[in-house]
Amino acid sequence: MMEATLLSIARLAEGPEAVVLAVPKLRAHLFDDAPSDPSRPVRVVTADSADALPLADGFRALAPKVDVIVFVPEGVVLAASYLASVQQAAQRWPDLVGEIGVIRRIVEDERVTSAVFDDTERPIRSAAHLLPWLRPRTLFANLMWVRVEACGNLKFMAFPQSAEYLAFSALLDQLRPRGRTRVVSCNTAVQVRAGPERRSGYDAGRELYGALSRISEWRDRSDAVFAARSSYLDPRTEKIRLFGEQIMRYLASPAARAHIGSFIKGMWAARREAAASRHRIRDDIRNLG
């Protein structure tokens, strides 16, 4: 899926000034021949953590060279016009400092190329879902762009690679006092799904629900950056949507019930772990008294 993402970047109508591929050290050798535009070779940057999103590594590599940085996760394929749309938004609203694009369209074929996007108005099948606009944002693919000049002392927190929206919303929350920010539907990109999920449903559900349970800790709410400010993510609401989404899919998709049921069990396990952790903390505080 990374190859499809890199190919779409190489074929952008408005080429980026620089391209950085941030990957864990253990995967770096897989991208020695990463597809790229000869005039804009891909620079591979290695991250120490194999599990966390390498946003900070990519940001540090690009910040001295560009004015706007776009974070594009693996499996996201950009339309040829994507970068032009970002440039247009940045020029139209000089006070716009950051934006998350929620990708609501899915292509079930890794061989997708920019030819799919020759006509950006051409409809692409949306992800199968009964109520797509009520679906949790954490289950959609997302991408994000930021103005470098607004990112001084930005705090990059460690989120699992499956928690893109959590990581992006944490950054956008910090940028909110510095200018205009927004979350929009992105119609110039699609998510590619090739074959079955690499992880079990149990692991995926446990990891995502666990990240939501610990988001207050990761945000460090005592910090003035987050104090008394609204957020682009309400963990409680997102958890409710996650459970509701999975129950609806379980009832509507008999063929996928094994994976969905496993995902729900993973969420319940993470919920029990979070509750046990809270009880231990309360007991420790009570014992100190």
C-alpha atoms as a PDB file:
ATOM      1  CA  MET A   1       0.000   0.000   0.000  1.00  0.00           C
ATOM      2  CA  MET A   2       2.925   2.346   0.582  1.00  0.00           C
ATOM      3  CA  GLU A   3       3.899   1.986  -3.075  1.00  0.00           C
ATOM      4  CA  ALA A   4       0.431   3.147  -4.162  1.00  0.00           C
ATOM      5  CA  THR A   5       0.736   6.162  -1.849  1.00  0.00           C
ATOM      6  CA  LEU A   6       4.199   7.097  -3.163  1.00  0.00           C
ATOM      7  CA  LEU A   7       3.121   6.685  -6.783  1.00  0.00           C
ATOM      8  CA  SER A   8       0.229   9.091  -6.230  1.00  0.00           C
ATOM      9  CA  ILE A   9       2.620  11.642  -4.689  1.00  0.00           C
ATOM     10  CA  ALA A  10       5.020  11.297  -7.640  1.00  0.00           C
ATOM     11  CA  ARG A  11       2.145  12.007 -10.059  1.00  0.00           C
ATOM     12  CA  LEU A  12       0.814  15.145  -8.389  1.00  0.00           C
ATOM     13  CA  ALA A  13       0.106  17.895 -10.917  1.00  0.00           C
ATOM     14  CA  GLU A  14       1.666  20.474  -8.577  1.00  0.00           C
ATOM     15  CA  GLY A  15       4.809  18.775  -7.335  1.00  0.00           C
ATOM     16  CA  PRO A  16       5.902  19.157  -3.694  1.00  0.00           C
ATOM     17  CA  GLU A  17       9.205  20.851  -2.942  1.00  0.00           C
ATOM     18  CA  ALA A  18      10.381  17.862  -0.910  1.00  0.00           C
ATOM     19  CA  VAL A  19       9.125  14.374  -0.007  1.00  0.00           C
ATOM     20  CA  VAL A  20      10.085  12.520   3.165  1.00  0.00           C
ATOM     21  CA  LEU A  21       9.150   8.928   3.962  1.00  0.00           C
ATOM     22  CA  ALA A  22       9.223   8.363   7.728  1.00  0.00           C
ATOM     23  CA  VAL A  23       9.284   4.659   8.594  1.00  0.00           C
ATOM     24  CA  PRO A  24      10.486   2.455  11.468  1.00  0.00           C
ATOM     25  CA  LYS A  25      14.124   1.380  11.168  1.00  0.00           C
ATOM     26  CA  LEU A  26      13.097  -2.236  10.675  1.00  0.00           C
ATOM     27  CA  ARG A  27      11.158  -1.313   7.491  1.00  0.00           C
ATOM     28  CA  ALA A  28      13.571   1.226   5.999  1.00  0.00           C
ATOM     29  CA  HIS A  29      15.333  -1.292   3.722  1.00  0.00           C
ATOM     30  CA  LEU A  30      12.021  -2.053   2.004  1.00  0.00           C
ATOM     31  CA  PHE A  31      11.953   1.422   0.456  1.00  0.00           C
ATOM     32  CA  ASP A  32      15.410   1.678  -1.101  1.00  0.00           C
ATOM     33  CA  ASP A  33      13.722   1.821  -4.519  1.00  0.00           C
ATOM     34  CA  ALA A  34      10.692   3.853  -3.497  1.00  0.00           C
ATOM     35  CA  PRO A  35       8.847   5.281  -6.541  1.00  0.00           C
ATOM     36  CA  SER A  36       9.339   9.031  -6.915  1.00  0.00           C
ATOM     37  CA  ASP A  37       9.684  11.896  -9.370  1.00  0.00           C
ATOM     38  CA  PRO A  38      13.385  12.053 -10.454  1.00  0.00           C
ATOM     39  CA  SER A  39      13.376  15.804  -9.774  1.00  0.00           C
ATOM     40  CA  ARG A  40      12.053  15.218  -6.247  1.00  0.00           C
ATOM     41  CA  PRO A  41      13.635  12.036  -4.853  1.00  0.00           C
ATOM     42  CA  VAL A  42      12.131  10.563  -1.710  1.00  0.00           C
ATOM     43  CA  ARG A  43      14.260  10.950   1.402  1.00  0.00           C
ATOM     44  CA  VAL A  44      13.816   8.058   3.833  1.00  0.00           C
ATOM     45  CA  VAL A  45      13.878   9.031   7.514  1.00  0.00           C
ATOM     46  CA  THR A  46      13.979   6.280  10.116  1.00  0.00           C
ATOM     47  CA  ALA A  47      12.046   6.354  13.386  1.00  0.00           C
ATOM     48  CA  ASP A  48      13.124   4.496  16.516  1.00  0.00           C
ATOM     49  CA  SER A  49       9.628   3.365  17.469  1.00  0.00           C
ATOM     50  CA  ALA A  50       8.124   0.557  15.419  1.00  0.00           C
ATOM     51  CA  ASP A  51       4.621   1.098  16.812  1.00  0.00           C
ATOM     52  CA  ALA A  52       4.059   4.862  17.067  1.00  0.00           C
ATOM     53  CA  LEU A  53       3.210   7.192  14.196  1.00  0.00           C
ATOM     54  CA  PRO A  54       6.479   8.906  13.101  1.00  0.00           C
ATOM     55  CA  LEU A  55       4.939  12.377  12.725  1.00  0.00           C
ATOM     56  CA  ALA A  56       7.660  14.180  14.674  1.00  0.00           C
ATOM     57  CA  ASP A  57      10.417  12.557  12.583  1.00  0.00           C
ATOM     58  CA  GLY A  58       8.810  13.615   9.319  1.00  0.00           C
ATOM     59  CA  PHE A  59       8.104  17.122  10.602  1.00  0.00           C
ATOM     60  CA  ARG A  60      11.698  17.716  11.722  1.00  0.00           C
ATOM     61  CA  ALA A  61      13.026  16.563   8.358  1.00  0.00           C
ATOM     62  CA  LEU A  62      10.764  18.885   6.330  1.00  0.00           C
ATOM     63  CA  ALA A  63      10.298  21.967   8.527  1.00  0.00           C
ATOM     64  CA  PRO A  64      13.541  23.750   7.445  1.00  0.00           C
ATOM     65  CA  LYS A  65      12.677  23.334   3.738  1.00  0.00           C
ATOM     66  CA  VAL A  66       8.978  24.123   3.248  1.00  0.00           C
ATOM     67  CA  ASP A  67       6.177  26.424   4.414  1.00  0.00           C
ATOM     68  CA  VAL A  68       3.419  23.789   4.488  1.00  0.00           C
ATOM     69  CA  ILE A  69       3.766  20.137   5.513  1.00  0.00           C
ATOM     70  CA  VAL A  70       1.261  17.455   4.485  1.00  0.00           C
ATOM     71  CA  PHE A  71       1.081  14.223   6.509  1.00  0.00           C
ATOM     72  CA  VAL A  72      -0.057  11.369   4.234  1.00  0.00           C
ATOM     73  CA  PRO A  73      -0.447   7.946   5.939  1.00  0.00           C
ATOM     74  CA  GLU A  74       0.304   4.664   4.206  1.00  0.00           C
ATOM     75  CA  GLY A  75      -2.633   3.455   2.123  1.00  0.00           C
ATOM     76  CA  VAL A  76      -3.872   6.927   1.180  1.00  0.00           C
ATOM     77  CA  VAL A  77      -3.798   7.646  -2.566  1.00  0.00           C
ATOM     78  CA  LEU A  78      -3.931  11.286  -3.639  1.00  0.00           C
ATOM     79  CA  ALA A  79      -5.653  12.710  -6.683  1.00  0.00           C
ATOM     80  CA  ALA A  80      -3.398  14.625  -9.072  1.00  0.00           C
ATOM     81  CA  SER A  81      -5.145  17.827  -7.977  1.00  0.00           C
ATOM     82  CA  TYR A  82      -4.728  17.291  -4.221  1.00  0.00           C
ATOM     83  CA  LEU A  83      -1.731  19.540  -3.624  1.00  0.00           C
ATOM     84  CA  ALA A  84      -3.251  22.295  -5.754  1.00  0.00           C
ATOM     85  CA  SER A  85      -6.335  22.228  -3.498  1.00  0.00           C
ATOM     86  CA  VAL A  86      -4.122  22.606  -0.418  1.00  0.00           C
ATOM     87  CA  GLN A  87      -2.276  25.543  -1.993  1.00  0.00           C
ATOM     88  CA  GLN A  88      -5.575  27.165  -2.912  1.00  0.00           C
ATOM     89  CA  ALA A  89      -6.896  26.871   0.650  1.00  0.00           C
ATOM     90  CA  ALA A  90      -3.645  28.182   2.159  1.00  0.00           C
ATOM     91  CA  GLN A  91      -3.656  31.203  -0.148  1.00  0.00           C
ATOM     92  CA  ARG A  92      -7.356  31.941   0.241  1.00  0.00           C
ATOM     93  CA  TRP A  93      -7.238  31.899   4.059  1.00  0.00           C
ATOM     94  CA  PRO A  94      -3.867  33.200   5.309  1.00  0.00           C
ATOM     95  CA  ASP A  95      -5.024  32.581   8.883  1.00  0.00           C
ATOM     96  CA  LEU A  96      -5.710  28.880   8.219  1.00  0.00           C
ATOM     97  CA  VAL A  97      -2.903  27.080  10.066  1.00  0.00           C
ATOM     98  CA  GLY A  98      -4.015  23.456   9.975  1.00  0.00           C
ATOM     99  CA  GLU A  99      -6.569  21.115   8.430  1.00  0.00           C
ATOM    100  CA  ILE A 100      -7.543  17.461   8.762  1.00  0.00           C
ATOM    101  CA  GLY A 101      -9.058  15.785   5.720  1.00  0.00           C
ATOM    102  CA  VAL A 102     -11.363  12.857   6.513  1.00  0.00           C
ATOM    103  CA  ILE A 103     -11.320  10.333   3.657  1.00  0.00           C
ATOM    104  CA  ARG A 104     -14.710   8.692   3.241  1.00  0.00           C
ATOM    105  CA  ARG A 105     -13.999   6.754   0.030  1.00  0.00           C
ATOM    106  CA  ILE A 106     -12.366   3.351  -0.193  1.00  0.00           C
ATOM    107  CA  VAL A 107     -10.859   1.454  -3.119  1.00  0.00           C
ATOM    108  CA  GLU A 108     -10.551  -2.298  -2.581  1.00  0.00           C
ATOM    109  CA  ASP A 109      -7.575  -2.663  -4.926  1.00  0.00           C
ATOM    110  CA  GLU A 110      -3.921  -1.847  -4.232  1.00  0.00           C
ATOM    111  CA  ARG A 111      -3.268  -1.447  -7.966  1.00  0.00           C
ATOM    112  CA  VAL A 112      -5.177   1.849  -8.014  1.00  0.00           C
ATOM    113  CA  THR A 113      -3.245   4.575  -9.847  1.00  0.00           C
ATOM    114  CA  SER A 114      -3.697   8.259 -10.525  1.00  0.00           C
ATOM    115  CA  ALA A 115      -5.673   7.272 -13.634  1.00  0.00           C
ATOM    116  CA  VAL A 116      -8.604   6.740 -11.263  1.00  0.00           C
ATOM    117  CA  PHE A 117      -8.469  10.474 -10.561  1.00  0.00           C
ATOM    118  CA  ASP A 118      -8.189  11.850 -14.112  1.00  0.00           C
ATOM    119  CA  ASP A 119     -11.626  13.331 -13.553  1.00  0.00           C
ATOM    120  CA  THR A 120     -11.791  14.521  -9.956  1.00  0.00           C
ATOM    121  CA  GLU A 121     -15.554  14.832 -10.220  1.00  0.00           C
ATOM    122  CA  ARG A 122     -15.925  11.170 -11.150  1.00  0.00           C
ATOM    123  CA  PRO A 123     -17.663   9.366  -8.283  1.00  0.00           C
ATOM    124  CA  ILE A 124     -15.802   6.618  -6.444  1.00  0.00           C
ATOM    125  CA  ARG A 125     -17.735   4.106  -4.392  1.00  0.00           C
ATOM    126  CA  SER A 126     -17.960   5.097  -0.751  1.00  0.00           C
ATOM    127  CA  ALA A 127     -17.145   2.655   2.002  1.00  0.00           C
ATOM    128  CA  ALA A 128     -20.030   0.302   2.633  1.00  0.00           C
ATOM    129  CA  HIS A 129     -21.751   1.621   5.705  1.00  0.00           C
ATOM    130  CA  LEU A 130     -25.319   2.182   6.755  1.00  0.00           C
ATOM    131  CA  LEU A 131     -24.767   5.680   8.153  1.00  0.00           C
ATOM    132  CA  PRO A 132     -21.411   6.939   6.798  1.00  0.00           C
ATOM    133  CA  TRP A 133     -21.749  10.417   8.319  1.00  0.00           C
ATOM    134  CA  LEU A 134     -22.173   8.943  11.808  1.00  0.00           C
ATOM    135  CA  ARG A 135     -19.180   6.650  11.497  1.00  0.00           C
ATOM    136  CA  PRO A 136     -16.375   7.264  14.020  1.00  0.00           C
ATOM    137  CA  ARG A 137     -13.628   9.429  12.537  1.00  0.00           C
ATOM    138  CA  THR A 138     -11.045   7.102  14.066  1.00  0.00           C
ATOM    139  CA  LEU A 139     -12.155   4.381  11.611  1.00  0.00           C
ATOM    140  CA  PHE A 140     -11.675   6.559   8.528  1.00  0.00           C
ATOM    141  CA  ALA A 141      -8.360   7.223   6.850  1.00  0.00           C
ATOM    142  CA  ASN A 142      -7.215  10.807   7.426  1.00  0.00           C
ATOM    143  CA  LEU A 143      -4.537  13.178   6.223  1.00  0.00           C
ATOM    144  CA  MET A 144      -3.421  16.543   7.547  1.00  0.00           C
ATOM    145  CA  TRP A 145      -1.551  19.687   6.525  1.00  0.00           C
ATOM    146  CA  VAL A 146      -0.075  22.440   8.716  1.00  0.00           C
ATOM    147  CA  ARG A 147       1.708  25.779   8.260  1.00  0.00           C
ATOM    148  CA  VAL A 148       5.232  25.403   9.596  1.00  0.00           C
ATOM    149  CA  GLU A 149       5.389  28.983  10.912  1.00  0.00           C
ATOM    150  CA  ALA A 150       2.484  28.239  13.281  1.00  0.00           C
ATOM    151  CA  CYS A 151       4.032  25.048  14.694  1.00  0.00           C
ATOM    152  CA  GLY A 152       6.576  26.443  17.149  1.00  0.00           C
ATOM    153  CA  ASN A 153       6.885  24.268  20.274  1.00  0.00           C
ATOM    154  CA  LEU A 154       4.250  21.877  18.970  1.00  0.00           C
ATOM    155  CA  LYS A 155       3.992  18.789  21.152  1.00  0.00           C
ATOM    156  CA  PHE A 156       4.027  15.484  19.235  1.00  0.00           C
ATOM    157  CA  MET A 157       2.572  12.733  21.405  1.00  0.00           C
ATOM    158  CA  ALA A 158       3.081   9.017  20.838  1.00  0.00           C
ATOM    159  CA  PHE A 159       0.008   7.426  19.291  1.00  0.00           C
ATOM    160  CA  PRO A 160      -0.321   3.944  17.741  1.00  0.00           C
ATOM    161  CA  GLN A 161      -0.088   3.787  13.949  1.00  0.00           C
ATOM    162  CA  SER A 162      -3.759   2.820  13.796  1.00  0.00           C
ATOM    163  CA  ALA A 163      -4.751   6.050  15.603  1.00  0.00           C
ATOM    164  CA  GLU A 164      -4.155   8.641  12.884  1.00  0.00           C
ATOM    165  CA  TYR A 165      -7.128  10.789  13.794  1.00  0.00           C
ATOM    166  CA  LEU A 166      -6.117  10.860  17.460  1.00  0.00           C
ATOM    167  CA  ALA A 167      -2.622  12.057  16.542  1.00  0.00           C
ATOM    168  CA  PHE A 168      -3.849  14.621  14.019  1.00  0.00           C
ATOM    169  CA  SER A 169      -6.585  16.000  16.295  1.00  0.00           C
ATOM    170  CA  ALA A 170      -4.056  16.387  19.133  1.00  0.00           C
ATOM    171  CA  LEU A 171      -1.920  18.558  16.829  1.00  0.00           C
ATOM    172  CA  LEU A 172      -4.914  20.521  15.562  1.00  0.00           C
ATOM    173  CA  ASP A 173      -6.066  21.200  19.127  1.00  0.00           C
ATOM    174  CA  GLN A 174      -2.688  22.822  19.820  1.00  0.00           C
ATOM    175  CA  LEU A 175      -2.883  24.920  16.654  1.00  0.00           C
ATOM    176  CA  ARG A 176      -6.409  26.148  17.390  1.00  0.00           C
ATOM    177  CA  PRO A 177      -5.321  29.202  19.463  1.00  0.00           C
ATOM    178  CA  ARG A 178      -2.799  30.168  16.769  1.00  0.00           C
ATOM    179  CA  GLY A 179      -5.191  30.629  13.851  1.00  0.00           C
ATOM    180  CA  ARG A 180      -8.034  29.038  11.941  1.00  0.00           C
ATOM    181  CA  THR A 181      -8.245  25.238  11.974  1.00  0.00           C
ATOM    182  CA  ARG A 182     -10.812  22.868  10.543  1.00  0.00           C
ATOM    183  CA  VAL A 183     -11.793  19.261   9.821  1.00  0.00           C
ATOM    184  CA  VAL A 184     -13.250  18.651   6.345  1.00  0.00           C
ATOM    185  CA  SER A 185     -14.223  15.760   4.086  1.00  0.00           C
ATOM    186  CA  CYS A 186     -11.454  15.152   1.563  1.00  0.00           C
ATOM    187  CA  ASN A 187     -12.720  14.413  -1.950  1.00  0.00           C
ATOM    188  CA  THR A 188      -9.274  14.390  -3.594  1.00  0.00           C
ATOM    189  CA  ALA A 189      -7.975  11.222  -1.948  1.00  0.00           C
ATOM    190  CA  VAL A 190      -9.071   7.643  -1.354  1.00  0.00           C
ATOM    191  CA  GLN A 191      -8.120   4.929   1.080  1.00  0.00           C
ATOM    192  CA  VAL A 192      -6.733   1.732  -0.419  1.00  0.00           C
ATOM    193  CA  ARG A 193      -7.525  -1.604   1.171  1.00  0.00           C
ATOM    194  CA  ALA A 194      -5.691  -4.593  -0.249  1.00  0.00           C
ATOM    195  CA  GLY A 195      -6.720  -7.969   1.094  1.00  0.00           C
ATOM    196  CA  PRO A 196      -7.618  -8.850   4.689  1.00  0.00           C
ATOM    197  CA  GLU A 197      -6.517  -6.854   7.724  1.00  0.00           C
ATOM    198  CA  ARG A 198      -2.975  -7.607   8.840  1.00  0.00           C
ATOM    199  CA  ARG A 199      -3.960  -7.576  12.510  1.00  0.00           C
ATOM    200  CA  SER A 200      -6.671  -9.524  14.253  1.00  0.00           C
ATOM    201  CA  GLY A 201      -9.900  -7.738  15.048  1.00  0.00           C
ATOM    202  CA  TYR A 202      -9.173  -8.243  18.751  1.00  0.00           C
ATOM    203  CA  ASP A 203      -5.809  -6.452  18.569  1.00  0.00           C
ATOM    204  CA  ALA A 204      -7.245  -3.623  16.456  1.00  0.00           C
ATOM    205  CA  GLY A 205     -10.180  -3.025  18.803  1.00  0.00           C
ATOM    206  CA  ARG A 206      -8.047  -3.243  21.947  1.00  0.00           C
ATOM    207  CA  GLU A 207      -5.426  -0.854  20.599  1.00  0.00           C
ATOM    208  CA  LEU A 208      -7.873   1.787  19.361  1.00  0.00           C
ATOM    209  CA  TYR A 209     -10.124   1.741  22.435  1.00  0.00           C
ATOM    210  CA  GLY A 210      -7.057   1.753  24.689  1.00  0.00           C
ATOM    211  CA  ALA A 211      -5.695   4.821  22.899  1.00  0.00           C
ATOM    212  CA  LEU A 212      -9.018   6.608  23.370  1.00  0.00           C
ATOM    213  CA  SER A 213      -9.003   5.701  27.075  1.00  0.00           C
ATOM    214  CA  ARG A 214      -5.536   7.178  27.532  1.00  0.00           C
ATOM    215  CA  ILE A 215      -5.977  10.271  25.382  1.00  0.00           C
ATOM    216  CA  SER A 216      -6.449  12.579  28.361  1.00  0.00           C
ATOM    217  CA  GLU A 217      -3.105  11.388  29.665  1.00  0.00           C
ATOM    218  CA  TRP A 218      -1.410  11.863  26.279  1.00  0.00           C
ATOM    219  CA  ARG A 219      -2.863  15.319  25.816  1.00  0.00           C
ATOM    220  CA  ASP A 220      -1.561  16.314  29.248  1.00  0.00           C
ATOM    221  CA  ARG A 221      -4.658  18.328  30.057  1.00  0.00           C
ATOM    222  CA  SER A 222      -2.844  20.179  32.832  1.00  0.00           C
ATOM    223  CA  ASP A 223      -0.823  21.923  30.136  1.00  0.00           C
ATOM    224  CA  ALA A 224      -2.069  25.418  29.283  1.00  0.00           C
ATOM    225  CA  VAL A 225      -2.176  24.377  25.616  1.00  0.00           C
ATOM    226  CA  PHE A 226      -5.280  22.294  26.276  1.00  0.00           C
ATOM    227  CA  ALA A 227      -6.748  23.906  29.370  1.00  0.00           C
ATOM    228  CA  ALA A 228     -10.386  24.980  29.057  1.00  0.00           C
ATOM    229  CA  ARG A 229     -10.415  24.610  25.263  1.00  0.00           C
ATOM    230  CA  SER A 230     -12.735  22.616  23.053  1.00  0.00           C
ATOM    231  CA  SER A 231     -11.254  19.676  21.166  1.00  0.00           C
ATOM    232  CA  TYR A 232     -11.657  18.060  17.767  1.00  0.00           C
ATOM    233  CA  LEU A 233     -12.062  14.724  19.549  1.00  0.00           C
ATOM    234  CA  ASP A 234     -14.393  13.785  22.389  1.00  0.00           C
ATOM    235  CA  PRO A 235     -13.140  10.354  23.558  1.00  0.00           C
ATOM    236  CA  ARG A 236     -16.438   9.441  25.245  1.00  0.00           C
ATOM    237  CA  THR A 237     -18.513  10.228  22.149  1.00  0.00           C
ATOM    238  CA  GLU A 238     -16.035   8.396  19.935  1.00  0.00           C
ATOM    239  CA  LYS A 239     -16.232   5.291  22.123  1.00  0.00           C
ATOM    240  CA  ILE A 240     -20.031   5.300  21.920  1.00  0.00           C
ATOM    241  CA  ARG A 241     -19.848   5.636  18.133  1.00  0.00           C
ATOM    242  CA  LEU A 242     -17.298   2.823  17.946  1.00  0.00           C
ATOM    243  CA  PHE A 243     -19.526   0.397  19.851  1.00  0.00           C
ATOM    244  CA  GLY A 244     -22.609   1.492  17.901  1.00  0.00           C
ATOM    245  CA  GLU A 245     -20.810   1.117  14.564  1.00  0.00           C
ATOM    246  CA  GLN A 246     -19.573  -2.380  15.352  1.00  0.00           C
ATOM    247  CA  ILE A 247     -22.958  -3.586  16.618  1.00  0.00           C
ATOM    248  CA  MET A 248     -24.693  -2.283  13.472  1.00  0.00           C
ATOM    249  CA  ARG A 249     -22.086  -3.948  11.238  1.00  0.00           C
ATOM    250  CA  TYR A 250     -22.403  -7.195  13.187  1.00  0.00           C
ATOM    251  CA  LEU A 251     -26.148  -7.273  12.577  1.00  0.00           C
ATOM    252  CA  ALA A 252     -25.926  -6.180   8.927  1.00  0.00           C
ATOM    253  CA  SER A 253     -22.883  -8.201   7.752  1.00  0.00           C
ATOM    254  CA  PRO A 254     -23.152 -11.922   8.641  1.00  0.00           C
ATOM    255  CA  ALA A 255     -20.048 -12.753   6.576  1.00  0.00           C
ATOM    256  CA  ALA A 256     -17.866 -10.423   8.660  1.00  0.00           C
ATOM    257  CA  ARG A 257     -19.236 -11.310  12.078  1.00  0.00           C
ATOM    258  CA  ALA A 258     -16.145 -13.239  13.201  1.00  0.00           C
ATOM    259  CA  HIS A 259     -13.841 -10.245  12.666  1.00  0.00           C
ATOM    260  CA  ILE A 260     -16.366  -7.729  14.032  1.00  0.00           C
ATOM    261  CA  GLY A 261     -17.046  -9.845  17.113  1.00  0.00           C
ATOM    262  CA  SER A 262     -13.306 -10.104  17.731  1.00  0.00           C
ATOM    263  CA  PHE A 263     -12.991  -6.307  17.402  1.00  0.00           C
ATOM    264  CA  ILE A 264     -15.747  -5.806  19.989  1.00  0.00           C
ATOM    265  CA  LYS A 265     -14.058  -8.253  22.381  1.00  0.00           C
ATOM    266  CA  GLY A 266     -10.821  -6.289  22.001  1.00  0.00           C
ATOM    267  CA  MET A 267     -12.622  -3.053  22.899  1.00  0.00           C
ATOM    268  CA  TRP A 268     -14.213  -4.677  25.953  1.00  0.00           C
ATOM    269  CA  ALA A 269     -10.792  -5.934  27.070  1.00  0.00           C
ATOM    270  CA  ALA A 270      -9.328  -2.420  26.765  1.00  0.00           C
ATOM    271  CA  ARG A 271     -12.335  -1.028  28.662  1.00  0.00           C
ATOM    272  CA  ARG A 272     -11.733  -3.457  31.534  1.00  0.00           C
ATOM    273  CA  GLU A 273      -8.024  -2.608  31.565  1.00  0.00           C
ATOM    274  CA  ALA A 274      -8.774   1.130  31.705  1.00  0.00           C
ATOM    275  CA  ALA A 275     -11.248   0.612  34.564  1.00  0.00           C
ATOM    276  CA  ALA A 276      -8.728  -1.515  36.494  1.00  0.00           C
ATOM    277  CA  SER A 277      -6.077   1.167  36.010  1.00  0.00           C
ATOM    278  CA  ARG A 278      -8.404   3.866  37.369  1.00  0.00           C
ATOM    279  CA  HIS A 279      -9.212   1.720  40.407  1.00  0.00           C
ATOM    280  CA  ARG A 280      -5.497   1.168  41.116  1.00  0.00           C
ATOM    281  CA  ILE A 281      -4.834   4.897  40.931  1.00  0.00           C
ATOM    282  CA  ARG A 282      -7.723   5.656  43.307  1.00  0.00           C
ATOM    283  CA  ASP A 283      -6.495   2.973  45.730  1.00  0.00           C
ATOM    284  CA  ASP A 284      -2.955   4.375  45.638  1.00  0.00           C
ATOM    285  CA  ILE A 285      -4.242   7.889  46.352  1.00  0.00           C
ATOM    286  CA  ARG A 286      -6.430   6.570  49.183  1.00  0.00           C
ATOM    287  CA  ASN A 287      -3.473   4.707  50.714  1.00  0.00           C
ATOM    288  CA  LEU A 288      -1.353   7.844  50.581  1.00  0.00           C
ATOM    289  CA  GLY A 289      -3.989   9.665  52.607  1.00  0.00           C
END
